[in-house]
Amino acid sequence: MIPPIASPLAGLERRLRTLTGSCGMHALGIADMTPEPVQAAVAATGGRWLSAFPRAVSVVFRLQNAIVEELPDHHREKALARLYEFHIYRVGNPHLDQVATRIATEIQEAGYRAVPVPTSVAVDGGSGTGGFLGAVSHKMAAHLSGLGWIGRSCLLVTPDVGPRVRLATVMTDAPFAARTPADAGCGRCRICVRACPAQAFSGKAFDPADPIEARMDVRACEAYRQEAKTLTGVPMCGVCVAVCPHGKPGRRLTPPPAPPGAGRYRAPPPGPRGSRESPL
């Protein structure tokens, strides 16, 4: 029997998975970005040229449990807050950006186009760092790639490590086989809603047709973090990241069933209202 010829795209995907694994990434997924509402959401923040890419490669970097576990009780203490800030913004994000660039280079060498989207560069602020919206929602891409769902905390929640992650995205025209968007796994859990020190979450389940304001008071969250900065020197909190049961070490939960379709990216209507999800 003649063995089947391996698909060049399958080989490219295997190389990308090997690359990301060797760089310490936790997971990689591939999202279909062609649905019209998804393209509209990308166009609203990144421009029509970026929305034309049919696929997104989503990469997950896992945060350190030893730091995250201490946040509920000690996030307003200088040493822990600064360690957490350093871990995310000076180690995790730059590492993700480097890995995303390497992924884009690998795809380009294979004959396709690719754009690595920065982890935390805002496009709605005057200096590129003062706003809340990125060129592409990393959470949306990760959800569509099957890596997790968007919880009541407005964070991407993965089944195995919860929201203890940072994300990067590479837009591409390489016609990879896309994965199925993840179903919601929060069920009736409201632990993050009750634990938030800023009381920023409404408790409403994710619906892409809603603006983020329906689920989260972004300004209250920012005000609390700025208050914490007066004590620690850095605007950090992370309580919602730490308390999610899905991220607890050694715990694999099966939550109560959620309503059908809850948490799934279901094609928001085009226009500003369907494109205001904060992605950073």
Protein backbone atom coordinates (compact mmCIF):
# COMPACT_ATOMS: atom_id res chain seq x y z
CA MET A 1 0.00 0.00 0.00
CA ILE A 2 1.30 3.43 -0.93
CA PRO A 3 1.36 5.70 2.14
CA PRO A 4 -0.75 8.87 1.85
CA ILE A 5 1.11 12.01 0.88
CA ALA A 6 1.29 14.39 3.82
CA SER A 7 -0.42 17.73 3.26
CA PRO A 8 2.06 20.64 3.13
CA LEU A 9 -0.30 22.63 5.36
CA ALA A 10 -0.48 19.80 7.88
CA GLY A 11 3.30 19.74 7.91
CA LEU A 12 3.42 23.50 8.42
CA GLU A 13 0.98 23.26 11.32
CA ARG A 14 3.07 20.53 12.91
CA ARG A 15 6.15 22.75 12.62
CA LEU A 16 4.28 25.61 14.27
CA ARG A 17 3.18 23.38 17.13
CA THR A 18 6.70 22.10 17.60
CA LEU A 19 8.01 25.67 17.52
CA THR A 20 5.54 26.97 20.08
CA GLY A 21 6.08 23.97 22.35
CA SER A 22 9.83 24.45 22.27
CA CYS A 23 9.28 28.12 23.20
CA GLY A 24 7.31 27.22 26.31
CA MET A 25 3.83 28.02 24.98
CA HIS A 26 0.88 26.22 26.56
CA ALA A 27 -1.36 25.78 23.51
CA LEU A 28 -1.95 26.75 19.88
CA GLY A 29 -5.23 26.98 18.02
CA ILE A 30 -6.44 28.01 14.57
CA ALA A 31 -9.55 30.13 14.06
CA ASP A 32 -11.79 30.74 11.09
CA MET A 33 -12.03 34.53 10.73
CA THR A 34 -14.24 34.56 7.64
CA PRO A 35 -17.73 34.95 9.18
CA GLU A 36 -18.97 38.42 8.27
CA PRO A 37 -19.49 39.63 11.86
CA VAL A 38 -15.97 38.52 12.81
CA GLN A 39 -14.54 40.36 9.81
CA ALA A 40 -16.58 43.43 10.79
CA ALA A 41 -15.18 43.31 14.33
CA VAL A 42 -11.60 43.09 13.04
CA ALA A 43 -12.21 45.83 10.46
CA ALA A 44 -13.55 48.15 13.17
CA THR A 45 -10.28 48.01 15.12
CA GLY A 46 -7.59 46.80 12.72
CA GLY A 47 -8.86 48.00 9.35
CA ARG A 48 -10.32 46.23 6.35
CA TRP A 49 -6.93 45.05 5.15
CA LEU A 50 -6.45 43.07 8.37
CA SER A 51 -10.01 41.70 8.33
CA ALA A 52 -9.34 40.13 4.92
CA PHE A 53 -7.11 37.43 6.44
CA PRO A 54 -9.21 34.25 6.67
CA ARG A 55 -7.34 32.54 9.51
CA ALA A 56 -5.85 33.42 12.88
CA VAL A 57 -3.26 31.40 14.76
CA SER A 58 -3.81 31.85 18.49
CA VAL A 59 -1.03 31.15 20.99
CA VAL A 60 -1.40 30.75 24.77
CA PHE A 61 1.28 31.50 27.37
CA ARG A 62 0.56 30.13 30.84
CA LEU A 63 1.12 32.33 33.89
CA GLN A 64 2.96 31.08 36.97
CA ASN A 65 0.63 29.64 39.60
CA ALA A 66 3.01 30.52 42.42
CA ILE A 67 2.44 34.22 41.68
CA VAL A 68 -1.23 34.12 40.67
CA GLU A 69 -2.32 32.14 43.76
CA GLU A 70 -1.22 34.97 46.06
CA LEU A 71 -3.10 37.76 44.28
CA PRO A 72 -6.46 37.69 46.11
CA ASP A 73 -4.83 38.42 49.47
CA HIS A 74 -1.67 40.28 48.51
CA HIS A 75 -2.16 42.11 45.19
CA ARG A 76 -1.94 45.48 47.00
CA GLU A 77 1.47 44.63 48.42
CA LYS A 78 4.41 46.14 46.58
CA ALA A 79 6.59 43.04 46.14
CA LEU A 80 3.88 40.75 44.75
CA ALA A 81 2.28 43.42 42.56
CA ARG A 82 5.60 44.28 40.97
CA LEU A 83 6.48 40.61 40.43
CA TYR A 84 3.11 40.07 38.74
CA GLU A 85 3.52 43.15 36.56
CA PHE A 86 7.02 42.06 35.55
CA HIS A 87 5.84 38.49 34.84
CA ILE A 88 3.06 39.67 32.52
CA TYR A 89 4.30 42.80 30.81
CA ARG A 90 8.08 42.48 30.80
CA VAL A 91 8.39 38.72 30.39
CA GLY A 92 5.14 37.15 29.14
CA ASN A 93 4.05 39.73 26.57
CA PRO A 94 7.48 40.25 24.94
CA HIS A 95 7.97 36.48 24.82
CA LEU A 96 4.59 36.06 23.15
CA ASP A 97 5.42 38.78 20.63
CA GLN A 98 8.69 37.05 19.75
CA VAL A 99 6.95 33.69 19.33
CA ALA A 100 4.23 35.29 17.18
CA THR A 101 6.91 36.84 14.97
CA ARG A 102 8.60 33.46 14.59
CA ILE A 103 5.26 31.89 13.66
CA ALA A 104 4.64 34.61 11.08
CA THR A 105 8.14 34.10 9.65
CA GLU A 106 7.59 30.34 9.37
CA ILE A 107 4.29 30.91 7.56
CA GLN A 108 5.86 33.47 5.24
CA GLU A 109 8.71 31.11 4.37
CA ALA A 110 6.06 28.57 3.37
CA GLY A 111 4.70 31.03 0.80
CA TYR A 112 1.80 32.64 2.67
CA ARG A 113 1.20 36.05 4.24
CA ALA A 114 1.10 36.56 7.98
CA VAL A 115 0.78 39.47 10.42
CA PRO A 116 1.76 39.08 14.10
CA VAL A 117 -0.62 41.20 16.18
CA PRO A 118 1.07 42.83 19.22
CA THR A 119 -0.04 41.50 22.59
CA SER A 120 -0.92 44.82 24.19
CA VAL A 121 -0.70 47.74 21.79
CA ALA A 122 -3.94 49.74 21.82
CA VAL A 123 -5.30 51.37 18.69
CA ASP A 124 -7.87 53.58 20.41
CA GLY A 125 -5.40 55.61 22.50
CA GLY A 126 -3.39 58.57 21.28
CA SER A 127 0.04 57.05 22.05
CA GLY A 128 -0.81 53.43 21.22
CA THR A 129 -0.85 52.46 24.89
CA GLY A 130 -3.58 54.61 26.43
CA GLY A 131 -6.67 52.77 25.20
CA PHE A 132 -8.36 49.41 25.58
CA LEU A 133 -8.76 48.06 22.03
CA GLY A 134 -6.13 46.15 20.07
CA ALA A 135 -6.00 45.71 16.31
CA VAL A 136 -7.51 42.22 16.77
CA SER A 137 -9.23 40.82 19.85
CA HIS A 138 -6.88 38.09 21.09
CA LYS A 139 -9.72 36.70 23.19
CA MET A 140 -12.02 36.45 20.18
CA ALA A 141 -9.37 34.65 18.12
CA ALA A 142 -8.57 32.24 20.96
CA HIS A 143 -12.26 31.49 21.52
CA LEU A 144 -12.90 30.90 17.81
CA SER A 145 -9.85 28.60 17.69
CA GLY A 146 -11.38 26.36 20.35
CA LEU A 147 -8.91 27.22 23.11
CA GLY A 148 -11.48 28.55 25.59
CA TRP A 149 -14.54 30.69 26.15
CA ILE A 150 -15.12 34.24 27.37
CA GLY A 151 -16.30 34.11 30.98
CA ARG A 152 -18.22 36.49 33.21
CA SER A 153 -14.89 38.13 34.04
CA CYS A 154 -14.57 39.08 30.34
CA LEU A 155 -11.38 37.00 30.30
CA LEU A 156 -10.57 34.07 28.05
CA VAL A 157 -11.09 30.98 30.20
CA THR A 158 -9.31 27.80 29.13
CA PRO A 159 -10.63 24.42 30.29
CA ASP A 160 -7.38 23.34 31.97
CA VAL A 161 -5.72 26.48 33.36
CA GLY A 162 -8.63 28.91 33.38
CA PRO A 163 -7.82 32.57 32.72
CA ARG A 164 -4.21 32.23 33.93
CA VAL A 165 -2.96 32.93 30.43
CA ARG A 166 -1.72 35.62 28.07
CA LEU A 167 -2.48 35.53 24.36
CA ALA A 168 -0.96 36.36 21.00
CA THR A 169 -2.48 36.24 17.53
CA VAL A 170 -1.08 35.85 14.02
CA MET A 171 -3.42 36.70 11.14
CA THR A 172 -2.71 34.71 7.97
CA ASP A 173 -4.01 33.66 4.57
CA ALA A 174 -2.61 30.15 4.98
CA PRO A 175 -5.72 27.94 4.57
CA PHE A 176 -5.25 25.89 7.73
CA ALA A 177 -8.07 23.66 8.94
CA ALA A 178 -9.82 25.76 11.58
CA ARG A 179 -11.07 24.40 14.88
CA THR A 180 -14.57 24.67 16.34
CA PRO A 181 -15.26 27.59 18.74
CA ALA A 182 -15.30 26.53 22.37
CA ASP A 183 -18.54 26.09 24.28
CA ALA A 184 -18.99 28.03 27.51
CA GLY A 185 -17.87 26.25 30.66
CA CYS A 186 -18.80 28.66 33.45
CA GLY A 187 -22.27 27.25 34.03
CA ARG A 188 -23.83 29.09 36.97
CA CYS A 189 -20.51 29.99 38.59
CA ARG A 190 -20.20 33.64 39.71
CA ILE A 191 -17.07 33.41 41.85
CA CYS A 192 -15.19 36.06 39.83
CA VAL A 193 -18.19 38.41 40.00
CA ARG A 194 -18.35 38.22 43.80
CA ALA A 195 -14.56 38.38 44.28
CA CYS A 196 -13.87 41.48 42.15
CA PRO A 197 -12.69 44.23 44.55
CA ALA A 198 -13.92 46.90 42.14
CA GLN A 199 -17.32 45.21 41.69
CA ALA A 200 -16.75 45.73 37.98
CA PHE A 201 -18.63 42.67 36.63
CA SER A 202 -22.38 42.60 36.11
CA GLY A 203 -22.51 38.80 36.12
CA LYS A 204 -24.09 38.71 32.66
CA ALA A 205 -22.94 35.82 30.49
CA PHE A 206 -20.98 36.68 27.35
CA ASP A 207 -23.02 37.64 24.32
CA PRO A 208 -21.07 39.04 21.36
CA ALA A 209 -24.04 41.22 20.42
CA ASP A 210 -23.57 43.17 23.66
CA PRO A 211 -20.99 45.89 24.23
CA ILE A 212 -18.51 45.09 26.96
CA GLU A 213 -20.26 47.67 29.17
CA ALA A 214 -23.13 45.21 29.55
CA ARG A 215 -20.78 42.84 31.39
CA MET A 216 -17.98 44.98 32.79
CA ASP A 217 -17.44 48.50 34.05
CA VAL A 218 -14.02 48.98 32.48
CA ARG A 219 -13.55 52.37 34.14
CA ALA A 220 -14.22 50.94 37.62
CA CYS A 221 -11.59 48.27 37.00
CA GLU A 222 -9.11 50.87 35.81
CA ALA A 223 -9.86 53.18 38.75
CA TYR A 224 -9.24 50.36 41.23
CA ARG A 225 -5.94 49.44 39.58
CA GLN A 226 -4.85 53.06 39.59
CA GLU A 227 -5.67 53.25 43.30
CA ALA A 228 -3.57 50.12 43.85
CA LYS A 229 -0.74 51.85 42.01
CA THR A 230 -0.55 54.48 44.75
CA LEU A 231 0.42 51.65 47.12
CA THR A 232 2.56 49.44 44.88
CA GLY A 233 3.82 51.62 42.04
CA VAL A 234 2.08 49.47 39.40
CA PRO A 235 -1.62 49.34 38.36
CA MET A 236 -2.19 45.63 38.97
CA CYS A 237 -4.93 43.49 40.51
CA GLY A 238 -5.49 40.03 38.98
CA VAL A 239 -8.05 38.77 41.52
CA CYS A 240 -10.40 37.56 38.77
CA VAL A 241 -7.52 35.64 37.21
CA ALA A 242 -6.72 33.92 40.49
CA VAL A 243 -10.16 32.93 41.79
CA CYS A 244 -11.52 31.15 38.70
CA PRO A 245 -12.02 27.47 39.64
CA HIS A 246 -10.84 26.33 36.22
CA GLY A 247 -7.36 27.65 36.95
CA LYS A 248 -6.94 26.14 40.40
CA PRO A 249 -3.95 23.74 40.44
CA GLY A 250 -5.02 20.11 40.58
CA ARG A 251 -8.70 20.84 40.00
CA ARG A 252 -10.53 19.80 36.83
CA LEU A 253 -14.14 20.88 37.21
CA THR A 254 -17.26 19.94 35.35
CA PRO A 255 -19.52 22.95 35.95
CA PRO A 256 -23.31 22.90 35.82
CA PRO A 257 -24.54 23.16 32.24
CA ALA A 258 -24.88 26.62 30.78
CA PRO A 259 -27.83 27.71 28.65
CA PRO A 260 -27.51 26.45 25.04
CA GLY A 261 -25.09 28.56 23.04
CA ALA A 262 -23.97 30.72 25.97
CA GLY A 263 -20.43 31.97 25.62
CA ARG A 264 -20.11 31.10 21.93
CA TYR A 265 -19.07 33.77 19.47
CA ARG A 266 -22.31 33.98 17.51
CA ALA A 267 -21.84 36.66 14.93
CA PRO A 268 -22.49 40.09 16.47
CA PRO A 269 -24.19 42.64 14.24
CA PRO A 270 -21.71 44.74 12.26
CA GLY A 271 -21.01 48.24 13.49
CA PRO A 272 -19.63 49.85 16.63
CA ARG A 273 -21.93 48.04 19.06
CA GLY A 274 -20.71 44.62 18.01
CA SER A 275 -17.05 45.54 18.01
CA ARG A 276 -16.42 47.07 21.44
CA GLU A 277 -15.08 43.99 23.20
CA SER A 278 -11.86 44.90 25.01
CA PRO A 279 -9.25 42.48 23.68
CA LEU A 280 -6.00 43.32 25.42
